[in-house]
């Protein structure tokens, strides 16, 4: 059975003059998933999201969201009816009260869910008579999420949803994302907070300097990724390690360190057979370690 994807990109590229903000990005985001889109500030996350939403045209490449071509005007309009987006700046109409902006937004969406609206109002305790300009950053985020979730959209795209929030509000937002996914909504959210992504995502994409450098299910962190570390009796030259699963090799005198995405047992055995003396260890890795290794530049 063919996998259904919420996002499909092929060679997606965005240039500003000679600068490539996004370079040849090819990725797949399965429907029904919570996918964390990791990257440092300036890595290209927001630019990618804007291209996916049809807010910015790519220089080269293609993208489909919910099987609709984002570069086709009619299909892009149809796509945006089915996708709810919360921008990094959580921009709202500052002159409206919370109650007014809910009423205003509701008028555009026949699929609006009054039960979700009321549940989130109760949970967040949002002041209906206060203008959005006077809301705290946390309340602005919660209002933006309410507007997105009550729409009944099948796909939720969030750009840095927890940026600048205190730990209590952050936890509420993460719980809300998990709840939306449990109700059948596909979630794609950008972040540079590894711990938050690890907490709720079931798939991780990592972008660096506009390029995809890591694409793994969260289960692979505990089940497949390993560091193989060898300490030998004498200094050794860099070994030829062209084995399946080898992601990165570093040699420092008598010590060799191999980052493996899978196949760790075979890689460790290869090192034992081809080196005289010393010890070989196979060690687990955290997501943070995997991300930091993937961001290292040769």
C-alpha atoms as a PDB file:
ATOM      1  CA  UNK A   1       0.000   0.000   0.000  1.00  0.00           C
ATOM      2  CA  UNK A   2       1.389   3.405  -0.994  1.00  0.00           C
ATOM      3  CA  UNK A   3       2.363   5.687   1.886  1.00  0.00           C
ATOM      4  CA  UNK A   4       0.198   8.821   2.139  1.00  0.00           C
ATOM      5  CA  UNK A   5       2.177  12.012   2.646  1.00  0.00           C
ATOM      6  CA  UNK A   6       1.142  15.391   4.009  1.00  0.00           C
ATOM      7  CA  UNK A   7       4.295  16.995   2.575  1.00  0.00           C
ATOM      8  CA  UNK A   8       6.395  15.963  -0.421  1.00  0.00           C
ATOM      9  CA  UNK A   9       9.248  18.115  -1.697  1.00  0.00           C
ATOM     10  CA  UNK A  10      11.762  17.468  -4.458  1.00  0.00           C
ATOM     11  CA  UNK A  11      14.815  19.665  -4.852  1.00  0.00           C
ATOM     12  CA  UNK A  12      13.101  22.613  -3.178  1.00  0.00           C
ATOM     13  CA  UNK A  13      15.404  25.644  -3.368  1.00  0.00           C
ATOM     14  CA  UNK A  14      15.090  29.315  -2.440  1.00  0.00           C
ATOM     15  CA  UNK A  15      17.750  31.849  -3.425  1.00  0.00           C
ATOM     16  CA  UNK A  16      18.165  35.459  -2.408  1.00  0.00           C
ATOM     17  CA  UNK A  17      20.614  36.702  -4.985  1.00  0.00           C
ATOM     18  CA  UNK A  18      23.574  34.328  -4.717  1.00  0.00           C
ATOM     19  CA  UNK A  19      22.611  33.149  -1.232  1.00  0.00           C
ATOM     20  CA  UNK A  20      20.742  29.827  -1.046  1.00  0.00           C
ATOM     21  CA  UNK A  21      18.499  29.902   2.022  1.00  0.00           C
ATOM     22  CA  UNK A  22      17.123  26.446   1.165  1.00  0.00           C
ATOM     23  CA  UNK A  23      19.133  24.074  -1.030  1.00  0.00           C
ATOM     24  CA  UNK A  24      17.754  21.062  -2.870  1.00  0.00           C
ATOM     25  CA  UNK A  25      15.410  20.040  -0.068  1.00  0.00           C
ATOM     26  CA  UNK A  26      13.797  16.653  -0.653  1.00  0.00           C
ATOM     27  CA  UNK A  27      11.654  15.300   2.170  1.00  0.00           C
ATOM     28  CA  UNK A  28       8.504  13.338   2.968  1.00  0.00           C
ATOM     29  CA  UNK A  29       6.179  13.878   5.931  1.00  0.00           C
ATOM     30  CA  UNK A  30       3.672  11.036   6.480  1.00  0.00           C
ATOM     31  CA  UNK A  31       0.030  11.838   7.122  1.00  0.00           C
ATOM     32  CA  UNK A  32      -0.992  11.229  10.718  1.00  0.00           C
ATOM     33  CA  UNK A  33       2.464  11.968  12.111  1.00  0.00           C
ATOM     34  CA  UNK A  34       3.895  14.545  14.489  1.00  0.00           C
ATOM     35  CA  UNK A  35       7.043  15.653  12.696  1.00  0.00           C
ATOM     36  CA  UNK A  36       9.599  17.898  14.353  1.00  0.00           C
ATOM     37  CA  UNK A  37      11.533  20.155  11.972  1.00  0.00           C
ATOM     38  CA  UNK A  38      14.778  20.934  13.778  1.00  0.00           C
ATOM     39  CA  UNK A  39      17.464  23.442  12.923  1.00  0.00           C
ATOM     40  CA  UNK A  40      19.481  26.293  14.308  1.00  0.00           C
ATOM     41  CA  UNK A  41      18.323  29.875  13.873  1.00  0.00           C
ATOM     42  CA  UNK A  42      18.824  30.821  10.232  1.00  0.00           C
ATOM     43  CA  UNK A  43      18.951  27.205   9.028  1.00  0.00           C
ATOM     44  CA  UNK A  44      16.033  27.703   6.619  1.00  0.00           C
ATOM     45  CA  UNK A  45      13.081  26.397   8.622  1.00  0.00           C
ATOM     46  CA  UNK A  46      10.789  29.422   8.268  1.00  0.00           C
ATOM     47  CA  UNK A  47      11.661  29.876   4.594  1.00  0.00           C
ATOM     48  CA  UNK A  48      10.764  26.243   3.948  1.00  0.00           C
ATOM     49  CA  UNK A  49       7.425  26.612   5.734  1.00  0.00           C
ATOM     50  CA  UNK A  50       6.551  29.739   3.758  1.00  0.00           C
ATOM     51  CA  UNK A  51       7.216  27.896   0.487  1.00  0.00           C
ATOM     52  CA  UNK A  52       5.080  24.967   1.637  1.00  0.00           C
ATOM     53  CA  UNK A  53       2.198  27.339   2.342  1.00  0.00           C
ATOM     54  CA  UNK A  54       2.470  29.124  -1.005  1.00  0.00           C
ATOM     55  CA  UNK A  55       3.493  32.348   0.741  1.00  0.00           C
ATOM     56  CA  UNK A  56       6.812  32.351  -1.091  1.00  0.00           C
ATOM     57  CA  UNK A  57       7.675  30.890  -4.483  1.00  0.00           C
ATOM     58  CA  UNK A  58      10.683  28.581  -4.698  1.00  0.00           C
ATOM     59  CA  UNK A  59      13.538  29.408  -7.039  1.00  0.00           C
ATOM     60  CA  UNK A  60      13.669  25.762  -8.103  1.00  0.00           C
ATOM     61  CA  UNK A  61      12.067  22.484  -7.171  1.00  0.00           C
ATOM     62  CA  UNK A  62       8.580  21.287  -6.330  1.00  0.00           C
ATOM     63  CA  UNK A  63       6.413  20.853  -3.262  1.00  0.00           C
ATOM     64  CA  UNK A  64       3.071  19.186  -2.641  1.00  0.00           C
ATOM     65  CA  UNK A  65       1.030  19.580   0.536  1.00  0.00           C
ATOM     66  CA  UNK A  66      -1.913  17.194   1.005  1.00  0.00           C
ATOM     67  CA  UNK A  67      -1.185  16.085  -2.573  1.00  0.00           C
ATOM     68  CA  UNK A  68      -1.763  19.623  -3.888  1.00  0.00           C
ATOM     69  CA  UNK A  69       0.859  21.548  -5.862  1.00  0.00           C
ATOM     70  CA  UNK A  70       1.787  24.655  -3.857  1.00  0.00           C
ATOM     71  CA  UNK A  71       3.016  26.416  -7.018  1.00  0.00           C
ATOM     72  CA  UNK A  72      -0.374  26.059  -8.711  1.00  0.00           C
ATOM     73  CA  UNK A  73      -2.569  28.997  -7.654  1.00  0.00           C
ATOM     74  CA  UNK A  74      -5.883  27.109  -7.572  1.00  0.00           C
ATOM     75  CA  UNK A  75      -4.413  24.088  -5.795  1.00  0.00           C
ATOM     76  CA  UNK A  76      -2.567  26.320  -3.335  1.00  0.00           C
ATOM     77  CA  UNK A  77      -5.826  28.060  -2.375  1.00  0.00           C
ATOM     78  CA  UNK A  78      -7.503  24.681  -1.842  1.00  0.00           C
ATOM     79  CA  UNK A  79      -4.540  23.527   0.244  1.00  0.00           C
ATOM     80  CA  UNK A  80      -4.737  26.534   2.560  1.00  0.00           C
ATOM     81  CA  UNK A  81      -8.394  25.751   3.292  1.00  0.00           C
ATOM     82  CA  UNK A  82      -7.264  22.433   4.746  1.00  0.00           C
ATOM     83  CA  UNK A  83      -4.132  23.594   6.557  1.00  0.00           C
ATOM     84  CA  UNK A  84      -3.992  25.651   9.760  1.00  0.00           C
ATOM     85  CA  UNK A  85      -0.821  27.673  10.244  1.00  0.00           C
ATOM     86  CA  UNK A  86       0.545  29.383  13.332  1.00  0.00           C
ATOM     87  CA  UNK A  87       3.388  31.757  12.459  1.00  0.00           C
ATOM     88  CA  UNK A  88       6.462  32.320  14.598  1.00  0.00           C
ATOM     89  CA  UNK A  89       5.373  35.863  15.508  1.00  0.00           C
ATOM     90  CA  UNK A  90       1.801  34.696  16.394  1.00  0.00           C
ATOM     91  CA  UNK A  91       0.490  37.739  14.535  1.00  0.00           C
ATOM     92  CA  UNK A  92      -3.113  38.673  15.372  1.00  0.00           C
ATOM     93  CA  UNK A  93      -5.331  41.700  14.726  1.00  0.00           C
ATOM     94  CA  UNK A  94      -4.148  43.832  17.631  1.00  0.00           C
ATOM     95  CA  UNK A  95      -7.255  46.029  17.756  1.00  0.00           C
ATOM     96  CA  UNK A  96      -9.616  43.061  18.232  1.00  0.00           C
ATOM     97  CA  UNK A  97     -10.469  41.471  21.539  1.00  0.00           C
ATOM     98  CA  UNK A  98     -10.033  37.728  21.957  1.00  0.00           C
ATOM     99  CA  UNK A  99     -13.798  37.266  21.632  1.00  0.00           C
ATOM    100  CA  UNK A 100     -13.937  39.388  18.470  1.00  0.00           C
ATOM    101  CA  UNK A 101     -11.083  37.596  16.722  1.00  0.00           C
ATOM    102  CA  UNK A 102     -12.662  34.220  17.487  1.00  0.00           C
ATOM    103  CA  UNK A 103     -15.999  35.374  16.044  1.00  0.00           C
ATOM    104  CA  UNK A 104     -14.262  36.930  13.029  1.00  0.00           C
ATOM    105  CA  UNK A 105     -12.209  33.801  12.256  1.00  0.00           C
ATOM    106  CA  UNK A 106     -15.124  31.436  12.821  1.00  0.00           C
ATOM    107  CA  UNK A 107     -17.108  33.134  10.038  1.00  0.00           C
ATOM    108  CA  UNK A 108     -14.617  31.893   7.418  1.00  0.00           C
ATOM    109  CA  UNK A 109     -14.715  28.198   8.336  1.00  0.00           C
ATOM    110  CA  UNK A 110     -17.875  26.072   8.049  1.00  0.00           C
ATOM    111  CA  UNK A 111     -15.946  23.254   9.747  1.00  0.00           C
ATOM    112  CA  UNK A 112     -15.431  25.314  12.920  1.00  0.00           C
ATOM    113  CA  UNK A 113     -15.741  23.145  16.042  1.00  0.00           C
ATOM    114  CA  UNK A 114     -17.544  24.980  18.861  1.00  0.00           C
ATOM    115  CA  UNK A 115     -16.700  22.229  21.343  1.00  0.00           C
ATOM    116  CA  UNK A 116     -12.963  22.623  20.699  1.00  0.00           C
ATOM    117  CA  UNK A 117     -13.310  26.399  20.997  1.00  0.00           C
ATOM    118  CA  UNK A 118     -15.040  26.171  24.371  1.00  0.00           C
ATOM    119  CA  UNK A 119     -12.691  23.497  25.696  1.00  0.00           C
ATOM    120  CA  UNK A 120      -9.625  25.594  24.878  1.00  0.00           C
ATOM    121  CA  UNK A 121     -11.184  28.776  26.246  1.00  0.00           C
ATOM    122  CA  UNK A 122     -11.800  26.972  29.521  1.00  0.00           C
ATOM    123  CA  UNK A 123      -8.355  25.381  29.581  1.00  0.00           C
ATOM    124  CA  UNK A 124      -6.440  28.558  28.731  1.00  0.00           C
ATOM    125  CA  UNK A 125      -8.728  30.938  30.655  1.00  0.00           C
ATOM    126  CA  UNK A 126      -8.387  33.505  27.902  1.00  0.00           C
ATOM    127  CA  UNK A 127      -9.889  36.953  28.645  1.00  0.00           C
ATOM    128  CA  UNK A 128     -12.516  37.421  25.919  1.00  0.00           C
ATOM    129  CA  UNK A 129     -12.796  41.176  26.437  1.00  0.00           C
ATOM    130  CA  UNK A 130      -9.062  41.943  26.274  1.00  0.00           C
ATOM    131  CA  UNK A 131      -7.492  43.147  23.014  1.00  0.00           C
ATOM    132  CA  UNK A 132      -4.883  40.795  21.598  1.00  0.00           C
ATOM    133  CA  UNK A 133      -2.329  43.617  21.720  1.00  0.00           C
ATOM    134  CA  UNK A 134      -2.466  43.478  25.522  1.00  0.00           C
ATOM    135  CA  UNK A 135      -2.072  39.706  25.790  1.00  0.00           C
ATOM    136  CA  UNK A 136       1.092  38.134  27.165  1.00  0.00           C
ATOM    137  CA  UNK A 137       3.225  36.166  24.718  1.00  0.00           C
ATOM    138  CA  UNK A 138       1.890  32.928  26.157  1.00  0.00           C
ATOM    139  CA  UNK A 139      -1.740  34.022  25.763  1.00  0.00           C
ATOM    140  CA  UNK A 140      -1.075  35.181  22.187  1.00  0.00           C
ATOM    141  CA  UNK A 141       0.280  31.732  21.386  1.00  0.00           C
ATOM    142  CA  UNK A 142      -2.692  30.055  23.040  1.00  0.00           C
ATOM    143  CA  UNK A 143      -5.141  32.289  21.145  1.00  0.00           C
ATOM    144  CA  UNK A 144      -3.407  31.524  17.844  1.00  0.00           C
ATOM    145  CA  UNK A 145      -3.540  27.797  18.587  1.00  0.00           C
ATOM    146  CA  UNK A 146      -7.227  28.001  19.490  1.00  0.00           C
ATOM    147  CA  UNK A 147      -7.960  29.705  16.160  1.00  0.00           C
ATOM    148  CA  UNK A 148      -5.986  27.026  14.322  1.00  0.00           C
ATOM    149  CA  UNK A 149      -7.382  23.983  16.103  1.00  0.00           C
ATOM    150  CA  UNK A 150     -11.040  25.016  16.228  1.00  0.00           C
ATOM    151  CA  UNK A 151     -11.022  25.322  12.430  1.00  0.00           C
ATOM    152  CA  UNK A 152     -11.107  21.567  12.107  1.00  0.00           C
ATOM    153  CA  UNK A 153      -8.118  21.571   9.752  1.00  0.00           C
ATOM    154  CA  UNK A 154      -6.606  18.212   8.860  1.00  0.00           C
ATOM    155  CA  UNK A 155      -3.032  19.521   8.884  1.00  0.00           C
ATOM    156  CA  UNK A 156      -1.414  21.836  11.432  1.00  0.00           C
ATOM    157  CA  UNK A 157       1.836  23.678  10.628  1.00  0.00           C
ATOM    158  CA  UNK A 158       3.487  25.488  13.536  1.00  0.00           C
ATOM    159  CA  UNK A 159       6.565  27.699  13.283  1.00  0.00           C
ATOM    160  CA  UNK A 160       8.441  27.753  16.623  1.00  0.00           C
ATOM    161  CA  UNK A 161       5.227  27.370  18.680  1.00  0.00           C
ATOM    162  CA  UNK A 162       6.967  27.500  22.073  1.00  0.00           C
ATOM    163  CA  UNK A 163       9.465  30.279  21.340  1.00  0.00           C
ATOM    164  CA  UNK A 164       9.779  32.598  24.349  1.00  0.00           C
ATOM    165  CA  UNK A 165       7.211  30.788  26.505  1.00  0.00           C
ATOM    166  CA  UNK A 166       7.695  29.893  30.153  1.00  0.00           C
ATOM    167  CA  UNK A 167       7.935  26.179  31.089  1.00  0.00           C
ATOM    168  CA  UNK A 168       4.322  25.891  32.295  1.00  0.00           C
ATOM    169  CA  UNK A 169       2.811  27.365  29.125  1.00  0.00           C
ATOM    170  CA  UNK A 170       5.278  25.393  26.987  1.00  0.00           C
ATOM    171  CA  UNK A 171       4.063  22.154  28.544  1.00  0.00           C
ATOM    172  CA  UNK A 172       0.431  23.112  27.863  1.00  0.00           C
ATOM    173  CA  UNK A 173       1.229  23.855  24.223  1.00  0.00           C
ATOM    174  CA  UNK A 174       3.030  20.529  23.779  1.00  0.00           C
ATOM    175  CA  UNK A 175       0.106  18.676  25.365  1.00  0.00           C
ATOM    176  CA  UNK A 176      -2.239  20.477  22.995  1.00  0.00           C
ATOM    177  CA  UNK A 177      -0.183  19.385  19.975  1.00  0.00           C
ATOM    178  CA  UNK A 178      -0.236  15.767  21.140  1.00  0.00           C
ATOM    179  CA  UNK A 179      -3.992  15.994  21.707  1.00  0.00           C
ATOM    180  CA  UNK A 180      -4.555  17.352  18.201  1.00  0.00           C
ATOM    181  CA  UNK A 181      -2.571  14.465  16.730  1.00  0.00           C
ATOM    182  CA  UNK A 182      -4.570  11.969  18.786  1.00  0.00           C
ATOM    183  CA  UNK A 183      -7.718  13.416  17.193  1.00  0.00           C
ATOM    184  CA  UNK A 184      -6.313  12.665  13.715  1.00  0.00           C
ATOM    185  CA  UNK A 185      -4.574  15.939  12.824  1.00  0.00           C
ATOM    186  CA  UNK A 186      -1.182  15.735  11.122  1.00  0.00           C
ATOM    187  CA  UNK A 187       1.299  18.075  12.833  1.00  0.00           C
ATOM    188  CA  UNK A 188       4.484  19.599  11.390  1.00  0.00           C
ATOM    189  CA  UNK A 189       6.298  21.959  13.726  1.00  0.00           C
ATOM    190  CA  UNK A 190       9.626  23.730  13.568  1.00  0.00           C
ATOM    191  CA  UNK A 191      11.827  24.157  16.599  1.00  0.00           C
ATOM    192  CA  UNK A 192      15.403  24.505  17.751  1.00  0.00           C
ATOM    193  CA  UNK A 193      14.586  22.917  21.118  1.00  0.00           C
ATOM    194  CA  UNK A 194      15.737  19.296  20.855  1.00  0.00           C
ATOM    195  CA  UNK A 195      14.135  18.208  24.136  1.00  0.00           C
ATOM    196  CA  UNK A 196      10.677  19.404  23.056  1.00  0.00           C
ATOM    197  CA  UNK A 197      10.905  17.629  19.721  1.00  0.00           C
ATOM    198  CA  UNK A 198      12.074  14.435  21.408  1.00  0.00           C
ATOM    199  CA  UNK A 199       9.177  14.667  23.878  1.00  0.00           C
ATOM    200  CA  UNK A 200       6.316  14.686  21.364  1.00  0.00           C
ATOM    201  CA  UNK A 201       7.501  13.943  17.802  1.00  0.00           C
ATOM    202  CA  UNK A 202       7.423  10.545  16.142  1.00  0.00           C
ATOM    203  CA  UNK A 203       9.641  11.697  13.265  1.00  0.00           C
ATOM    204  CA  UNK A 204      12.520  14.173  13.115  1.00  0.00           C
ATOM    205  CA  UNK A 205      13.882  16.207  10.227  1.00  0.00           C
ATOM    206  CA  UNK A 206      17.049  18.265  10.741  1.00  0.00           C
ATOM    207  CA  UNK A 207      17.996  21.093   8.395  1.00  0.00           C
ATOM    208  CA  UNK A 208      21.382  22.827   8.334  1.00  0.00           C
ATOM    209  CA  UNK A 209      22.369  25.678   6.018  1.00  0.00           C
ATOM    210  CA  UNK A 210      19.238  24.972   3.974  1.00  0.00           C
ATOM    211  CA  UNK A 211      19.944  21.273   3.469  1.00  0.00           C
ATOM    212  CA  UNK A 212      18.342  18.207   5.031  1.00  0.00           C
ATOM    213  CA  UNK A 213      21.005  16.401   7.072  1.00  0.00           C
ATOM    214  CA  UNK A 214      18.883  14.012   9.148  1.00  0.00           C
ATOM    215  CA  UNK A 215      15.549  12.246   8.639  1.00  0.00           C
ATOM    216  CA  UNK A 216      14.724   9.576  11.214  1.00  0.00           C
ATOM    217  CA  UNK A 217      11.800   8.138  13.175  1.00  0.00           C
ATOM    218  CA  UNK A 218      12.153   8.866  16.888  1.00  0.00           C
ATOM    219  CA  UNK A 219      12.259   5.122  17.619  1.00  0.00           C
ATOM    220  CA  UNK A 220      15.564   4.909  15.728  1.00  0.00           C
ATOM    221  CA  UNK A 221      17.255   6.949  18.463  1.00  0.00           C
ATOM    222  CA  UNK A 222      16.872   4.185  21.044  1.00  0.00           C
ATOM    223  CA  UNK A 223      16.743   1.181  18.725  1.00  0.00           C
ATOM    224  CA  UNK A 224      19.293   1.818  15.968  1.00  0.00           C
ATOM    225  CA  UNK A 225      21.676   4.738  16.492  1.00  0.00           C
ATOM    226  CA  UNK A 226      24.906   3.889  18.314  1.00  0.00           C
ATOM    227  CA  UNK A 227      28.404   5.189  18.878  1.00  0.00           C
ATOM    228  CA  UNK A 228      31.141   2.591  18.401  1.00  0.00           C
ATOM    229  CA  UNK A 229      34.232   3.640  20.315  1.00  0.00           C
ATOM    230  CA  UNK A 230      37.582   1.891  20.033  1.00  0.00           C
ATOM    231  CA  UNK A 231      40.728   2.470  22.079  1.00  0.00           C
ATOM    232  CA  UNK A 232      43.805   0.745  20.644  1.00  0.00           C
ATOM    233  CA  UNK A 233      47.273  -0.051  21.926  1.00  0.00           C
ATOM    234  CA  UNK A 234      48.927   2.050  19.247  1.00  0.00           C
ATOM    235  CA  UNK A 235      47.933   5.062  17.109  1.00  0.00           C
ATOM    236  CA  UNK A 236      46.172   4.007  13.914  1.00  0.00           C
ATOM    237  CA  UNK A 237      45.491   5.573  10.524  1.00  0.00           C
ATOM    238  CA  UNK A 238      41.861   6.321   9.601  1.00  0.00           C
ATOM    239  CA  UNK A 239      40.337   2.939   8.634  1.00  0.00           C
ATOM    240  CA  UNK A 240      38.389   2.320   5.449  1.00  0.00           C
ATOM    241  CA  UNK A 241      34.850   2.023   6.801  1.00  0.00           C
ATOM    242  CA  UNK A 242      32.518   1.709   3.853  1.00  0.00           C
ATOM    243  CA  UNK A 243      29.938  -0.311   5.725  1.00  0.00           C
ATOM    244  CA  UNK A 244      26.186   0.167   5.668  1.00  0.00           C
ATOM    245  CA  UNK A 245      25.098   2.369   8.569  1.00  0.00           C
ATOM    246  CA  UNK A 246      28.307   4.372   9.037  1.00  0.00           C
ATOM    247  CA  UNK A 247      27.411   8.068   9.303  1.00  0.00           C
ATOM    248  CA  UNK A 248      30.627   9.588  10.606  1.00  0.00           C
ATOM    249  CA  UNK A 249      34.145   8.456  11.580  1.00  0.00           C
ATOM    250  CA  UNK A 250      36.605  10.372  13.758  1.00  0.00           C
ATOM    251  CA  UNK A 251      40.122   9.229  14.670  1.00  0.00           C
ATOM    252  CA  UNK A 252      42.229  10.862  17.372  1.00  0.00           C
ATOM    253  CA  UNK A 253      45.493   9.054  18.009  1.00  0.00           C
ATOM    254  CA  UNK A 254      44.614   5.684  19.531  1.00  0.00           C
ATOM    255  CA  UNK A 255      40.876   6.410  19.707  1.00  0.00           C
ATOM    256  CA  UNK A 256      38.304   5.872  16.958  1.00  0.00           C
ATOM    257  CA  UNK A 257      34.668   6.992  17.205  1.00  0.00           C
ATOM    258  CA  UNK A 258      32.028   5.856  14.708  1.00  0.00           C
ATOM    259  CA  UNK A 259      28.483   7.219  14.513  1.00  0.00           C
ATOM    260  CA  UNK A 260      26.204   4.467  13.206  1.00  0.00           C
ATOM    261  CA  UNK A 261      22.582   4.869  12.149  1.00  0.00           C
ATOM    262  CA  UNK A 262      22.155   1.067  12.219  1.00  0.00           C
ATOM    263  CA  UNK A 263      24.221  -2.105  11.768  1.00  0.00           C
ATOM    264  CA  UNK A 264      26.282  -1.293  14.889  1.00  0.00           C
ATOM    265  CA  UNK A 265      27.126  -4.913  15.759  1.00  0.00           C
ATOM    266  CA  UNK A 266      28.623  -5.600  12.332  1.00  0.00           C
ATOM    267  CA  UNK A 267      30.591  -2.332  12.362  1.00  0.00           C
ATOM    268  CA  UNK A 268      31.997  -3.143  15.813  1.00  0.00           C
ATOM    269  CA  UNK A 269      32.981  -6.637  14.688  1.00  0.00           C
ATOM    270  CA  UNK A 270      34.707  -5.181  11.620  1.00  0.00           C
ATOM    271  CA  UNK A 271      36.772  -2.904  13.874  1.00  0.00           C
ATOM    272  CA  UNK A 272      37.728  -5.836  16.106  1.00  0.00           C
ATOM    273  CA  UNK A 273      38.862  -7.951  13.151  1.00  0.00           C
ATOM    274  CA  UNK A 274      40.908  -5.246  11.473  1.00  0.00           C
ATOM    275  CA  UNK A 275      42.731  -3.830  14.502  1.00  0.00           C
ATOM    276  CA  UNK A 276      45.250  -5.528  16.739  1.00  0.00           C
ATOM    277  CA  UNK A 277      44.702  -5.053  20.460  1.00  0.00           C
ATOM    278  CA  UNK A 278      42.538  -2.540  22.252  1.00  0.00           C
ATOM    279  CA  UNK A 279      38.889  -2.445  23.278  1.00  0.00           C
ATOM    280  CA  UNK A 280      35.654  -1.796  21.369  1.00  0.00           C
ATOM    281  CA  UNK A 281      32.487  -0.428  22.990  1.00  0.00           C
ATOM    282  CA  UNK A 282      29.012   0.017  21.515  1.00  0.00           C
ATOM    283  CA  UNK A 283      27.274   2.912  23.264  1.00  0.00           C
ATOM    284  CA  UNK A 284      23.719   4.310  23.113  1.00  0.00           C
ATOM    285  CA  UNK A 285      23.134   7.876  21.914  1.00  0.00           C
ATOM    286  CA  UNK A 286      20.693  10.605  22.861  1.00  0.00           C
ATOM    287  CA  UNK A 287      18.859  12.621  20.227  1.00  0.00           C
ATOM    288  CA  UNK A 288      20.937  15.641  21.238  1.00  0.00           C
ATOM    289  CA  UNK A 289      24.154  13.734  20.530  1.00  0.00           C
ATOM    290  CA  UNK A 290      22.839  12.563  17.157  1.00  0.00           C
ATOM    291  CA  UNK A 291      21.821  16.091  16.185  1.00  0.00           C
ATOM    292  CA  UNK A 292      25.146  17.608  17.259  1.00  0.00           C
ATOM    293  CA  UNK A 293      27.080  14.936  15.354  1.00  0.00           C
ATOM    294  CA  UNK A 294      24.935  15.538  12.261  1.00  0.00           C
ATOM    295  CA  UNK A 295      25.680  19.274  12.430  1.00  0.00           C
ATOM    296  CA  UNK A 296      29.447  18.829  12.555  1.00  0.00           C
ATOM    297  CA  UNK A 297      31.195  20.115   9.470  1.00  0.00           C
ATOM    298  CA  UNK A 298      34.161  18.309   7.967  1.00  0.00           C
END
